[in-house]
PDB file of all heavy atoms in Angstrom:
ATOM      1  N   MET A   1     -46.111 143.419 -98.304  1.00  0.00           N
ATOM      2  CA  MET A   1     -46.139 144.142 -97.095  1.00  0.00           C
ATOM      3  C   MET A   1     -45.628 143.399 -95.899  1.00  0.00           C
ATOM      4  O   MET A   1     -45.496 143.865 -94.740  1.00  0.00           O
ATOM      5  CB  MET A   1     -47.618 144.531 -96.734  1.00  0.00           C
ATOM      6  CG  MET A   1     -48.205 145.428 -97.859  1.00  0.00           C
ATOM      7  SD  MET A   1     -47.445 147.025 -97.916  1.00  0.00           S
ATOM      8  CE  MET A   1     -48.013 147.712 -96.398  1.00  0.00           C
ATOM      9  N   ASP A   2     -45.152 142.143 -96.203  1.00  0.00           N
ATOM     10  CA  ASP A   2     -44.584 141.326 -95.072  1.00  0.00           C
ATOM     11  C   ASP A   2     -43.205 141.702 -94.908  1.00  0.00           C
ATOM     12  O   ASP A   2     -42.260 141.580 -95.747  1.00  0.00           O
ATOM     13  CB  ASP A   2     -44.622 139.802 -95.538  1.00  0.00           C
ATOM     14  CG  ASP A   2     -44.098 138.842 -94.390  1.00  0.00           C
ATOM     15  OD1 ASP A   2     -43.616 139.414 -93.368  1.00  0.00           O
ATOM     16  OD2 ASP A   2     -44.138 137.611 -94.642  1.00  0.00           O
ATOM     17  N   ILE A   3     -42.814 142.324 -93.705  1.00  0.00           N
ATOM     18  CA  ILE A   3     -41.440 142.727 -93.435  1.00  0.00           C
ATOM     19  C   ILE A   3     -40.747 141.878 -92.525  1.00  0.00           C
ATOM     20  O   ILE A   3     -39.616 142.212 -91.979  1.00  0.00           O
ATOM     21  CB  ILE A   3     -41.495 144.173 -92.885  1.00  0.00           C
ATOM     22  CG1 ILE A   3     -42.210 144.267 -91.605  1.00  0.00           C
ATOM     23  CG2 ILE A   3     -41.954 145.225 -93.918  1.00  0.00           C
ATOM     24  CD1 ILE A   3     -42.009 145.603 -90.869  1.00  0.00           C
ATOM     25  N   SER A   4     -41.172 140.618 -92.405  1.00  0.00           N
ATOM     26  CA  SER A   4     -40.469 139.686 -91.603  1.00  0.00           C
ATOM     27  C   SER A   4     -39.262 139.167 -92.448  1.00  0.00           C
ATOM     28  O   SER A   4     -39.237 139.286 -93.702  1.00  0.00           O
ATOM     29  CB  SER A   4     -41.284 138.424 -91.298  1.00  0.00           C
ATOM     30  OG  SER A   4     -41.815 137.788 -92.533  1.00  0.00           O
ATOM     31  N   PHE A   5     -38.170 138.755 -91.786  1.00  0.00           N
ATOM     32  CA  PHE A   5     -36.940 138.455 -92.499  1.00  0.00           C
ATOM     33  C   PHE A   5     -36.568 136.981 -92.187  1.00  0.00           C
ATOM     34  O   PHE A   5     -37.008 136.293 -91.273  1.00  0.00           O
ATOM     35  CB  PHE A   5     -35.855 139.324 -92.064  1.00  0.00           C
ATOM     36  CG  PHE A   5     -35.533 139.387 -90.520  1.00  0.00           C
ATOM     37  CD1 PHE A   5     -34.683 138.452 -90.017  1.00  0.00           C
ATOM     38  CD2 PHE A   5     -36.152 140.363 -89.882  1.00  0.00           C
ATOM     39  CE1 PHE A   5     -34.428 138.393 -88.625  1.00  0.00           C
ATOM     40  CE2 PHE A   5     -35.817 140.398 -88.368  1.00  0.00           C
ATOM     41  CZ  PHE A   5     -34.993 139.444 -87.848  1.00  0.00           C
ATOM     42  N   ASP A   6     -35.708 136.404 -93.076  1.00  0.00           N
ATOM     43  CA  ASP A   6     -35.126 135.079 -92.978  1.00  0.00           C
ATOM     44  C   ASP A   6     -34.089 135.082 -91.923  1.00  0.00           C
ATOM     45  O   ASP A   6     -33.000 135.712 -92.094  1.00  0.00           O
ATOM     46  CB  ASP A   6     -34.623 134.678 -94.333  1.00  0.00           C
ATOM     47  CG  ASP A   6     -34.210 133.243 -94.336  1.00  0.00           C
ATOM     48  OD1 ASP A   6     -33.643 132.743 -93.309  1.00  0.00           O
ATOM     49  OD2 ASP A   6     -34.402 132.548 -95.411  1.00  0.00           O
ATOM     50  N   GLU A   7     -34.306 134.460 -90.766  1.00  0.00           N
ATOM     51  CA  GLU A   7     -33.355 134.448 -89.724  1.00  0.00           C
ATOM     52  C   GLU A   7     -31.971 133.830 -90.025  1.00  0.00           C
ATOM     53  O   GLU A   7     -30.925 134.257 -89.600  1.00  0.00           O
ATOM     54  CB  GLU A   7     -33.907 133.756 -88.451  1.00  0.00           C
ATOM     55  CG  GLU A   7     -35.034 134.465 -87.780  1.00  0.00           C
ATOM     56  CD  GLU A   7     -35.533 133.828 -86.463  1.00  0.00           C
ATOM     57  OE1 GLU A   7     -34.842 132.888 -86.058  1.00  0.00           O
ATOM     58  OE2 GLU A   7     -36.529 134.352 -85.967  1.00  0.00           O
ATOM     59  N   SER A   8     -32.049 132.842 -90.889  1.00  0.00           N
ATOM     60  CA  SER A   8     -30.746 132.156 -91.389  1.00  0.00           C
ATOM     61  C   SER A   8     -29.969 133.137 -92.142  1.00  0.00           C
ATOM     62  O   SER A   8     -28.688 133.199 -92.055  1.00  0.00           O
ATOM     63  CB  SER A   8     -31.068 130.896 -92.172  1.00  0.00           C
ATOM     64  OG  SER A   8     -31.713 131.217 -93.408  1.00  0.00           O
ATOM     65  N   LYS A   9     -30.569 133.992 -93.001  1.00  0.00           N
ATOM     66  CA  LYS A   9     -29.896 134.871 -93.854  1.00  0.00           C
ATOM     67  C   LYS A   9     -29.312 136.078 -92.923  1.00  0.00           C
ATOM     68  O   LYS A   9     -28.245 136.584 -93.225  1.00  0.00           O
ATOM     69  CB  LYS A   9     -30.828 135.560 -94.908  1.00  0.00           C
ATOM     70  CG  LYS A   9     -31.147 134.523 -96.040  1.00  0.00           C
ATOM     71  CD  LYS A   9     -32.048 135.329 -97.101  1.00  0.00           C
ATOM     72  CE  LYS A   9     -32.278 134.464 -98.289  1.00  0.00           C
ATOM     73  NZ  LYS A   9     -33.018 135.082 -99.393  1.00  0.00           N
ATOM     74  N   MET A  10     -30.104 136.427 -91.938  1.00  0.00           N
ATOM     75  CA  MET A  10     -29.686 137.485 -91.022  1.00  0.00           C
ATOM     76  C   MET A  10     -28.421 136.995 -90.292  1.00  0.00           C
ATOM     77  O   MET A  10     -27.411 137.701 -90.099  1.00  0.00           O
ATOM     78  CB  MET A  10     -30.749 137.859 -89.966  1.00  0.00           C
ATOM     79  CG  MET A  10     -30.316 138.875 -89.003  1.00  0.00           C
ATOM     80  SD  MET A  10     -29.910 140.456 -89.683  1.00  0.00           S
ATOM     81  CE  MET A  10     -31.620 141.180 -89.833  1.00  0.00           C
ATOM     82  N   ALA A  11     -28.372 135.755 -89.863  1.00  0.00           N
ATOM     83  CA  ALA A  11     -27.305 135.155 -89.123  1.00  0.00           C
ATOM     84  C   ALA A  11     -26.036 135.037 -90.035  1.00  0.00           C
ATOM     85  O   ALA A  11     -24.909 135.314 -89.659  1.00  0.00           O
ATOM     86  CB  ALA A  11     -27.689 133.719 -88.562  1.00  0.00           C
ATOM     87  N   GLU A  12     -26.320 134.739 -91.254  1.00  0.00           N
ATOM     88  CA  GLU A  12     -25.207 134.552 -92.205  1.00  0.00           C
ATOM     89  C   GLU A  12     -24.575 135.954 -92.471  1.00  0.00           C
ATOM     90  O   GLU A  12     -23.383 136.113 -92.611  1.00  0.00           O
ATOM     91  CB  GLU A  12     -25.707 133.995 -93.531  1.00  0.00           C
ATOM     92  CG  GLU A  12     -24.653 133.789 -94.601  1.00  0.00           C
ATOM     93  CD  GLU A  12     -25.189 133.204 -95.860  1.00  0.00           C
ATOM     94  OE1 GLU A  12     -26.289 132.583 -95.869  1.00  0.00           O
ATOM     95  OE2 GLU A  12     -24.520 133.290 -96.932  1.00  0.00           O
ATOM     96  N   LYS A  13     -25.488 137.021 -92.510  1.00  0.00           N
ATOM     97  CA  LYS A  13     -25.016 138.354 -92.917  1.00  0.00           C
ATOM     98  C   LYS A  13     -24.152 138.870 -91.658  1.00  0.00           C
ATOM     99  O   LYS A  13     -23.119 139.443 -91.813  1.00  0.00           O
ATOM    100  CB  LYS A  13     -26.092 139.282 -93.083  1.00  0.00           C
ATOM    101  CG  LYS A  13     -25.755 140.662 -93.470  1.00  0.00           C
ATOM    102  CD  LYS A  13     -26.976 141.534 -93.837  1.00  0.00           C
ATOM    103  CE  LYS A  13     -26.553 142.868 -94.215  1.00  0.00           C
ATOM    104  NZ  LYS A  13     -27.625 143.763 -94.566  1.00  0.00           N
ATOM    105  N   LYS A  14     -24.576 138.557 -90.414  1.00  0.00           N
ATOM    106  CA  LYS A  14     -23.882 138.969 -89.236  1.00  0.00           C
ATOM    107  C   LYS A  14     -22.529 138.278 -89.154  1.00  0.00           C
ATOM    108  O   LYS A  14     -21.489 138.814 -88.829  1.00  0.00           O
ATOM    109  CB  LYS A  14     -24.663 138.657 -87.952  1.00  0.00           C
ATOM    110  CG  LYS A  14     -25.821 139.542 -87.768  1.00  0.00           C
ATOM    111  CD  LYS A  14     -26.616 139.197 -86.461  1.00  0.00           C
ATOM    112  CE  LYS A  14     -27.752 140.194 -86.203  1.00  0.00           C
ATOM    113  NZ  LYS A  14     -28.496 139.833 -84.993  1.00  0.00           N
ATOM    114  N   SER A  15     -22.497 136.925 -89.583  1.00  0.00           N
ATOM    115  CA  SER A  15     -21.283 136.179 -89.672  1.00  0.00           C
ATOM    116  C   SER A  15     -20.277 136.748 -90.562  1.00  0.00           C
ATOM    117  O   SER A  15     -19.162 136.942 -90.332  1.00  0.00           O
ATOM    118  CB  SER A  15     -21.587 134.705 -89.926  1.00  0.00           C
ATOM    119  OG  SER A  15     -20.351 134.009 -90.104  1.00  0.00           O
ATOM    120  N   ASP A  16     -20.789 137.193 -91.825  1.00  0.00           N
ATOM    121  CA  ASP A  16     -19.946 137.756 -92.770  1.00  0.00           C
ATOM    122  C   ASP A  16     -19.382 139.120 -92.356  1.00  0.00           C
ATOM    123  O   ASP A  16     -18.244 139.496 -92.533  1.00  0.00           O
ATOM    124  CB  ASP A  16     -20.767 137.970 -94.133  1.00  0.00           C
ATOM    125  CG  ASP A  16     -21.058 136.687 -94.877  1.00  0.00           C
ATOM    126  OD1 ASP A  16     -20.422 135.704 -94.524  1.00  0.00           O
ATOM    127  OD2 ASP A  16     -21.963 136.719 -95.729  1.00  0.00           O
ATOM    128  N   SER A  17     -20.246 139.880 -91.665  1.00  0.00           N
ATOM    129  CA  SER A  17     -19.774 141.205 -91.110  1.00  0.00           C
ATOM    130  C   SER A  17     -18.668 140.995 -90.085  1.00  0.00           C
ATOM    131  O   SER A  17     -17.726 141.682 -90.082  1.00  0.00           O
ATOM    132  CB  SER A  17     -20.963 141.992 -90.534  1.00  0.00           C
ATOM    133  OG  SER A  17     -20.583 143.157 -89.990  1.00  0.00           O
ATOM    134  N   SER A  18     -18.913 140.042 -89.146  1.00  0.00           N
ATOM    135  CA  SER A  18     -17.918 139.734 -88.068  1.00  0.00           C
ATOM    136  C   SER A  18     -16.619 139.288 -88.753  1.00  0.00           C
ATOM    137  O   SER A  18     -15.520 139.695 -88.342  1.00  0.00           O
ATOM    138  CB  SER A  18     -18.461 138.697 -87.201  1.00  0.00           C
ATOM    139  OG  SER A  18     -17.536 138.320 -86.263  1.00  0.00           O
ATOM    140  N   ARG A  19     -16.724 138.448 -89.858  1.00  0.00           N
ATOM    141  CA  ARG A  19     -15.546 137.942 -90.501  1.00  0.00           C
ATOM    142  C   ARG A  19     -14.758 139.040 -91.178  1.00  0.00           C
ATOM    143  O   ARG A  19     -13.543 139.142 -91.166  1.00  0.00           O
ATOM    144  CB  ARG A  19     -15.944 136.934 -91.565  1.00  0.00           C
ATOM    145  CG  ARG A  19     -14.767 136.258 -92.281  1.00  0.00           C
ATOM    146  CD  ARG A  19     -15.251 135.255 -93.333  1.00  0.00           C
ATOM    147  NE  ARG A  19     -14.080 134.594 -93.955  1.00  0.00           N
ATOM    148  CZ  ARG A  19     -13.550 133.491 -93.522  1.00  0.00           C
ATOM    149  NH1 ARG A  19     -14.048 132.894 -92.452  1.00  0.00           N
ATOM    150  NH2 ARG A  19     -12.457 132.975 -94.072  1.00  0.00           N
ATOM    151  N   SER A  20     -15.482 140.029 -91.788  1.00  0.00           N
ATOM    152  CA  SER A  20     -14.829 141.151 -92.472  1.00  0.00           C
ATOM    153  C   SER A  20     -14.017 142.016 -91.508  1.00  0.00           C
ATOM    154  O   SER A  20     -13.046 142.624 -91.917  1.00  0.00           O
ATOM    155  CB  SER A  20     -15.864 142.075 -93.190  1.00  0.00           C
ATOM    156  OG  SER A  20     -16.694 142.648 -92.336  1.00  0.00           O
ATOM    157  N   ARG A  21     -14.507 142.102 -90.223  1.00  0.00           N
ATOM    158  CA  ARG A  21     -13.747 142.921 -89.298  1.00  0.00           C
ATOM    159  C   ARG A  21     -12.665 142.228 -88.587  1.00  0.00           C
ATOM    160  O   ARG A  21     -11.797 142.774 -87.893  1.00  0.00           O
ATOM    161  CB  ARG A  21     -14.745 143.449 -88.160  1.00  0.00           C
ATOM    162  CG  ARG A  21     -15.826 144.389 -88.750  1.00  0.00           C
ATOM    163  CD  ARG A  21     -16.556 145.128 -87.680  1.00  0.00           C
ATOM    164  NE  ARG A  21     -17.255 144.175 -86.774  1.00  0.00           N
ATOM    165  CZ  ARG A  21     -18.480 143.763 -86.904  1.00  0.00           C
ATOM    166  NH1 ARG A  21     -19.184 144.210 -87.893  1.00  0.00           N
ATOM    167  NH2 ARG A  21     -19.070 142.876 -86.047  1.00  0.00           N
ATOM    168  N   ALA A  22     -12.640 140.857 -88.636  1.00  0.00           N
ATOM    169  CA  ALA A  22     -11.682 140.060 -87.869  1.00  0.00           C
ATOM    170  C   ALA A  22     -10.233 140.224 -88.447  1.00  0.00           C
ATOM    171  O   ALA A  22     -10.117 140.449 -89.739  1.00  0.00           O
ATOM    172  CB  ALA A  22     -12.115 138.566 -87.900  1.00  0.00           C
ATOM    173  N   LYS A  23      -9.267 140.049 -87.646  1.00  0.00           N
ATOM    174  CA  LYS A  23      -7.921 140.143 -88.066  1.00  0.00           C
ATOM    175  C   LYS A  23      -7.555 138.925 -88.948  1.00  0.00           C
ATOM    176  O   LYS A  23      -7.940 137.798 -88.721  1.00  0.00           O
ATOM    177  CB  LYS A  23      -6.970 140.147 -86.862  1.00  0.00           C
ATOM    178  CG  LYS A  23      -5.504 140.295 -87.259  1.00  0.00           C
ATOM    179  CD  LYS A  23      -4.578 140.430 -85.994  1.00  0.00           C
ATOM    180  CE  LYS A  23      -3.134 140.560 -86.420  1.00  0.00           C
ATOM    181  NZ  LYS A  23      -2.232 140.577 -85.215  1.00  0.00           N
ATOM    182  N   ALA A  24      -6.906 139.190 -90.081  1.00  0.00           N
ATOM    183  CA  ALA A  24      -6.548 138.162 -91.006  1.00  0.00           C
ATOM    184  C   ALA A  24      -5.386 137.282 -90.578  1.00  0.00           C
ATOM    185  O   ALA A  24      -4.381 137.827 -90.014  1.00  0.00           O
ATOM    186  CB  ALA A  24      -6.223 138.732 -92.436  1.00  0.00           C
ATOM    187  N   TYR A  25      -5.534 135.960 -90.714  1.00  0.00           N
ATOM    188  CA  TYR A  25      -4.382 135.049 -90.616  1.00  0.00           C
ATOM    189  C   TYR A  25      -3.541 135.097 -91.891  1.00  0.00           C
ATOM    190  O   TYR A  25      -2.304 135.110 -91.859  1.00  0.00           O
ATOM    191  CB  TYR A  25      -4.854 133.607 -90.226  1.00  0.00           C
ATOM    192  CG  TYR A  25      -3.749 132.568 -90.307  1.00  0.00           C
ATOM    193  CD1 TYR A  25      -2.971 132.502 -89.162  1.00  0.00           C
ATOM    194  CD2 TYR A  25      -3.525 131.820 -91.364  1.00  0.00           C
ATOM    195  CE1 TYR A  25      -1.936 131.494 -89.107  1.00  0.00           C
ATOM    196  CE2 TYR A  25      -2.533 130.845 -91.355  1.00  0.00           C
ATOM    197  CZ  TYR A  25      -1.722 130.718 -90.264  1.00  0.00           C
ATOM    198  OH  TYR A  25      -0.710 129.703 -90.292  1.00  0.00           O
ATOM    199  N   SER A  26      -4.209 135.019 -92.958  1.00  0.00           N
ATOM    200  CA  SER A  26      -3.581 135.060 -94.294  1.00  0.00           C
ATOM    201  C   SER A  26      -4.647 135.422 -95.374  1.00  0.00           C
ATOM    202  O   SER A  26      -5.820 135.570 -95.070  1.00  0.00           O
ATOM    203  CB  SER A  26      -2.952 133.737 -94.613  1.00  0.00           C
ATOM    204  OG  SER A  26      -3.896 132.781 -94.927  1.00  0.00           O
ATOM    205  N   TYR A  27      -4.182 135.548 -96.621  1.00  0.00           N
ATOM    206  CA  TYR A  27      -5.001 135.746 -97.776  1.00  0.00           C
ATOM    207  C   TYR A  27      -4.737 134.674 -98.764  1.00  0.00           C
ATOM    208  O   TYR A  27      -3.565 134.353 -98.993  1.00  0.00           O
ATOM    209  CB  TYR A  27      -4.807 137.089 -98.354  1.00  0.00           C
ATOM    210  CG  TYR A  27      -5.199 138.267 -97.413  1.00  0.00           C
ATOM    211  CD1 TYR A  27      -4.309 138.794 -96.533  1.00  0.00           C
ATOM    212  CD2 TYR A  27      -6.548 138.768 -97.444  1.00  0.00           C
ATOM    213  CE1 TYR A  27      -4.649 139.879 -95.695  1.00  0.00           C
ATOM    214  CE2 TYR A  27      -6.884 139.758 -96.586  1.00  0.00           C
ATOM    215  CZ  TYR A  27      -5.949 140.279 -95.729  1.00  0.00           C
ATOM    216  OH  TYR A  27      -6.316 141.259 -94.787  1.00  0.00           O
ATOM    217  N   VAL A  28      -5.727 134.087 -99.275  1.00  0.00           N
ATOM    218  CA  VAL A  28      -5.578 133.019-100.252  1.00  0.00           C
ATOM    219  C   VAL A  28      -6.082 133.523-101.659  1.00  0.00           C
ATOM    220  O   VAL A  28      -7.166 134.119-101.736  1.00  0.00           O
ATOM    221  CB  VAL A  28      -6.387 131.807 -99.901  1.00  0.00           C
ATOM    222  CG1 VAL A  28      -6.157 130.629-100.936  1.00  0.00           C
ATOM    223  CG2 VAL A  28      -6.084 131.316 -98.460  1.00  0.00           C
ATOM    224  N   SER A  29      -5.259 133.330-102.685  1.00  0.00           N
ATOM    225  CA  SER A  29      -5.710 133.716-104.000  1.00  0.00           C
ATOM    226  C   SER A  29      -5.513 132.532-104.971  1.00  0.00           C
ATOM    227  O   SER A  29      -4.725 131.578-104.775  1.00  0.00           O
ATOM    228  CB  SER A  29      -4.757 134.873-104.482  1.00  0.00           C
ATOM    229  OG  SER A  29      -3.428 134.455-104.633  1.00  0.00           O
ATOM    230  N   SER A  30      -6.374 132.623-106.027  1.00  0.00           N
ATOM    231  CA  SER A  30      -6.267 131.677-107.091  1.00  0.00           C
ATOM    232  C   SER A  30      -6.385 132.370-108.410  1.00  0.00           C
ATOM    233  O   SER A  30      -7.361 133.060-108.702  1.00  0.00           O
ATOM    234  CB  SER A  30      -7.510 130.617-107.006  1.00  0.00           C
ATOM    235  OG  SER A  30      -7.474 129.754-108.132  1.00  0.00           O
ATOM    236  N   VAL A  31      -5.320 132.190-109.215  1.00  0.00           N
ATOM    237  CA  VAL A  31      -5.156 132.884-110.487  1.00  0.00           C
ATOM    238  C   VAL A  31      -4.875 131.741-111.546  1.00  0.00           C
ATOM    239  O   VAL A  31      -3.782 131.082-111.390  1.00  0.00           O
ATOM    240  CB  VAL A  31      -4.212 133.898-110.568  1.00  0.00           C
ATOM    241  CG1 VAL A  31      -4.111 134.601-111.996  1.00  0.00           C
ATOM    242  CG2 VAL A  31      -4.540 135.115-109.576  1.00  0.00           C
ATOM    243  N   GLY A  32      -5.739 131.620-112.512  1.00  0.00           N
ATOM    244  CA  GLY A  32      -5.470 130.491-113.547  1.00  0.00           C
ATOM    245  C   GLY A  32      -5.306 129.127-112.964  1.00  0.00           C
ATOM    246  O   GLY A  32      -4.618 128.344-113.506  1.00  0.00           O
ATOM    247  N   GLY A  33      -6.076 128.932-111.861  1.00  0.00           N
ATOM    248  CA  GLY A  33      -6.057 127.658-111.185  1.00  0.00           C
ATOM    249  C   GLY A  33      -4.898 127.378-110.242  1.00  0.00           C
ATOM    250  O   GLY A  33      -4.798 126.305-109.624  1.00  0.00           O
ATOM    251  N   VAL A  34      -3.931 128.335-110.151  1.00  0.00           N
ATOM    252  CA  VAL A  34      -2.814 128.240-109.280  1.00  0.00           C
ATOM    253  C   VAL A  34      -3.151 129.021-107.974  1.00  0.00           C
ATOM    254  O   VAL A  34      -3.415 130.165-107.976  1.00  0.00           O
ATOM    255  CB  VAL A  34      -1.531 128.837-109.912  1.00  0.00           C
ATOM    256  CG1 VAL A  34      -0.354 128.809-108.913  1.00  0.00           C
ATOM    257  CG2 VAL A  34      -1.237 128.121-111.277  1.00  0.00           C
ATOM    258  N   ILE A  35      -2.975 128.277-106.893  1.00  0.00           N
ATOM    259  CA  ILE A  35      -3.389 128.850-105.593  1.00  0.00           C
ATOM    260  C   ILE A  35      -2.149 129.246-104.755  1.00  0.00           C
ATOM    261  O   ILE A  35      -1.186 128.512-104.799  1.00  0.00           O
ATOM    262  CB  ILE A  35      -4.176 127.836-104.759  1.00  0.00           C
ATOM    263  CG1 ILE A  35      -5.444 127.421-105.484  1.00  0.00           C
ATOM    264  CG2 ILE A  35      -4.446 128.360-103.412  1.00  0.00           C
ATOM    265  CD1 ILE A  35      -6.202 126.269-104.800  1.00  0.00           C
ATOM    266  N   GLU A  36      -2.233 130.393-104.216  1.00  0.00           N
ATOM    267  CA  GLU A  36      -1.102 130.941-103.376  1.00  0.00           C
ATOM    268  C   GLU A  36      -1.719 131.508-102.060  1.00  0.00           C
ATOM    269  O   GLU A  36      -2.796 131.921-102.076  1.00  0.00           O
ATOM    270  CB  GLU A  36      -0.291 131.990-104.145  1.00  0.00           C
ATOM    271  CG  GLU A  36       0.446 131.445-105.332  1.00  0.00           C
ATOM    272  CD  GLU A  36       1.343 132.494-105.997  1.00  0.00           C
ATOM    273  OE1 GLU A  36       1.493 133.588-105.393  1.00  0.00           O
ATOM    274  OE2 GLU A  36       1.927 132.206-107.081  1.00  0.00           O
ATOM    275  N   THR A  37      -0.886 131.631-101.042  1.00  0.00           N
ATOM    276  CA  THR A  37      -1.141 132.234 -99.800  1.00  0.00           C
ATOM    277  C   THR A  37      -0.310 133.465 -99.691  1.00  0.00           C
ATOM    278  O   THR A  37       0.791 133.499-100.113  1.00  0.00           O
ATOM    279  CB  THR A  37      -1.053 131.318 -98.612  1.00  0.00           C
ATOM    280  OG1 THR A  37       0.302 130.900 -98.500  1.00  0.00           O
ATOM    281  CG2 THR A  37      -2.064 130.122 -98.704  1.00  0.00           C
ATOM    282  N   HIS A  38      -0.906 134.437 -98.960  1.00  0.00           N
ATOM    283  CA  HIS A  38      -0.076 135.802 -98.744  1.00  0.00           C
ATOM    284  C   HIS A  38      -0.274 136.151 -97.297  1.00  0.00           C
ATOM    285  O   HIS A  38      -1.367 136.008 -96.677  1.00  0.00           O
ATOM    286  CB  HIS A  38      -0.679 136.785 -99.683  1.00  0.00           C
ATOM    287  CG  HIS A  38      -0.916 136.357-101.124  1.00  0.00           C
ATOM    288  ND1 HIS A  38       0.026 136.391-102.069  1.00  0.00           N
ATOM    289  CD2 HIS A  38      -2.047 135.787-101.697  1.00  0.00           C
ATOM    290  CE1 HIS A  38      -0.368 135.874-103.187  1.00  0.00           C
ATOM    291  NE2 HIS A  38      -1.691 135.551-102.993  1.00  0.00           N
ATOM    292  N   HIS A  39       0.789 136.803 -96.820  1.00  0.00           N
ATOM    293  CA  HIS A  39       0.813 137.355 -95.423  1.00  0.00           C
ATOM    294  C   HIS A  39       0.048 138.634 -95.377  1.00  0.00           C
ATOM    295  O   HIS A  39      -0.506 138.948 -94.285  1.00  0.00           O
ATOM    296  CB  HIS A  39       2.277 137.508 -94.955  1.00  0.00           C
ATOM    297  CG  HIS A  39       2.962 136.211 -94.742  1.00  0.00           C
ATOM    298  ND1 HIS A  39       2.601 135.224 -93.920  1.00  0.00           N
ATOM    299  CD2 HIS A  39       4.102 135.700 -95.417  1.00  0.00           C
ATOM    300  CE1 HIS A  39       3.432 134.292 -93.895  1.00  0.00           C
ATOM    301  NE2 HIS A  39       4.321 134.508 -94.879  1.00  0.00           N
ATOM    302  N   THR A  40       0.018 139.371 -96.402  1.00  0.00           N
ATOM    303  CA  THR A  40      -0.635 140.733 -96.374  1.00  0.00           C
ATOM    304  C   THR A  40      -1.635 140.845 -97.485  1.00  0.00           C
ATOM    305  O   THR A  40      -1.596 140.173 -98.562  1.00  0.00           O
ATOM    306  CB  THR A  40       0.364 141.900 -96.497  1.00  0.00           C
ATOM    307  OG1 THR A  40       0.952 141.852 -97.747  1.00  0.00           O
ATOM    308  CG2 THR A  40       1.439 141.678 -95.367  1.00  0.00           C
TER     309      THR A  40
END
């Protein structure tokens, strides 16, 4: 019945949400251990 929340998890979630909406500088991918960057 305890509905208190973990403030650190809430802050992390807000940060993730803000990050998902932010404009991308680039995208980084790793396939088979090979890392590449992409403009789109």
